């Protein structure tokens, strides 16, 4: 499966910075999933859980209360 670069960060702390196969994100208009080569966009986040499947196939979870997700050029950044 193809991967993309994912960064999940909050002020002063990097929670994840590496290759991922997928990420499921709680957006304000519903949960959405990002895969490699996803169309570029920006979305506001709502409270929920971000589910990451990393390049080794492990599933990681991050609880979020709000934030922004940005996707472009086979990279995704989630700022909390």
Protein backbone atom coordinates (compact mmCIF):
# COMPACT_ATOMS: atom_id res chain seq x y z
CA UNK A 1 0.00 0.00 0.00
CA UNK A 2 1.26 3.49 -0.84
CA UNK A 3 2.15 5.89 1.96
CA UNK A 4 2.21 9.64 2.53
CA UNK A 5 4.00 11.87 5.02
CA UNK A 6 1.90 12.72 8.09
CA UNK A 7 2.64 15.22 10.82
CA UNK A 8 0.44 15.61 13.91
CA UNK A 9 1.58 18.44 16.16
CA UNK A 10 0.49 20.83 18.85
CA UNK A 11 2.34 23.83 20.22
CA UNK A 12 5.73 22.66 21.48
CA UNK A 13 5.15 18.95 20.77
CA UNK A 14 5.28 16.64 17.74
CA UNK A 15 2.87 13.73 18.32
CA UNK A 16 3.57 11.91 15.03
CA UNK A 17 5.97 12.63 12.17
CA UNK A 18 6.44 9.88 9.62
CA UNK A 19 4.95 7.76 6.86
CA UNK A 20 1.34 6.60 7.09
CA UNK A 21 -0.92 4.39 4.98
CA UNK A 22 -4.14 6.09 6.15
CA UNK A 23 -5.55 8.52 8.68
CA UNK A 24 -9.16 8.96 9.77
CA UNK A 25 -9.95 12.45 11.04
CA UNK A 26 -13.04 13.95 12.78
CA UNK A 27 -13.86 16.97 10.62
CA UNK A 28 -16.57 19.51 11.41
CA UNK A 29 -18.69 18.04 8.59
CA UNK A 30 -18.03 14.41 9.52
CA UNK A 31 -15.22 11.88 9.73
CA UNK A 32 -13.01 11.66 6.65
CA UNK A 33 -10.13 9.43 5.62
CA UNK A 34 -6.88 10.40 3.91
CA UNK A 35 -4.88 7.99 1.77
CA UNK A 36 -1.78 8.49 -0.40
CA UNK A 37 -2.22 10.99 -3.27
CA UNK A 38 -5.34 12.52 -1.70
CA UNK A 39 -6.76 15.70 -3.26
CA UNK A 40 -5.52 18.92 -1.61
CA UNK A 41 -7.83 20.52 0.98
CA UNK A 42 -8.06 22.18 4.39
CA UNK A 43 -10.60 21.27 7.08
CA UNK A 44 -11.42 22.37 10.60
CA UNK A 45 -11.53 19.54 13.16
CA UNK A 46 -14.06 18.77 15.85
CA UNK A 47 -13.66 16.80 19.07
CA UNK A 48 -12.93 13.12 18.49
CA UNK A 49 -10.18 10.62 17.78
CA UNK A 50 -7.65 10.61 14.94
CA UNK A 51 -6.83 7.04 13.84
CA UNK A 52 -3.49 6.56 12.08
CA UNK A 53 -2.34 3.39 10.29
CA UNK A 54 1.42 3.85 10.04
CA UNK A 55 3.75 2.42 7.39
CA UNK A 56 4.35 -0.72 9.49
CA UNK A 57 0.60 -1.38 9.79
CA UNK A 58 0.30 -0.33 13.45
CA UNK A 59 -2.81 1.63 14.46
CA UNK A 60 -2.27 4.71 16.62
CA UNK A 61 -4.94 6.93 18.19
CA UNK A 62 -4.81 10.62 19.16
CA UNK A 63 -7.65 12.37 20.98
CA UNK A 64 -8.37 15.84 19.63
CA UNK A 65 -10.62 18.64 20.83
CA UNK A 66 -10.13 20.97 17.86
CA UNK A 67 -7.62 21.81 15.17
CA UNK A 68 -6.92 22.09 11.45
CA UNK A 69 -6.01 19.43 8.88
CA UNK A 70 -4.22 20.37 5.64
CA UNK A 71 -3.44 17.99 2.78
CA UNK A 72 -1.29 18.73 -0.29
CA UNK A 73 1.50 17.15 -2.35
CA UNK A 74 1.14 13.71 -0.74
CA UNK A 75 1.56 15.21 2.75
CA UNK A 76 -0.93 15.76 5.55
CA UNK A 77 -0.50 18.05 8.53
CA UNK A 78 -2.79 18.09 11.55
CA UNK A 79 -2.33 21.02 13.91
CA UNK A 80 -3.97 20.72 17.31
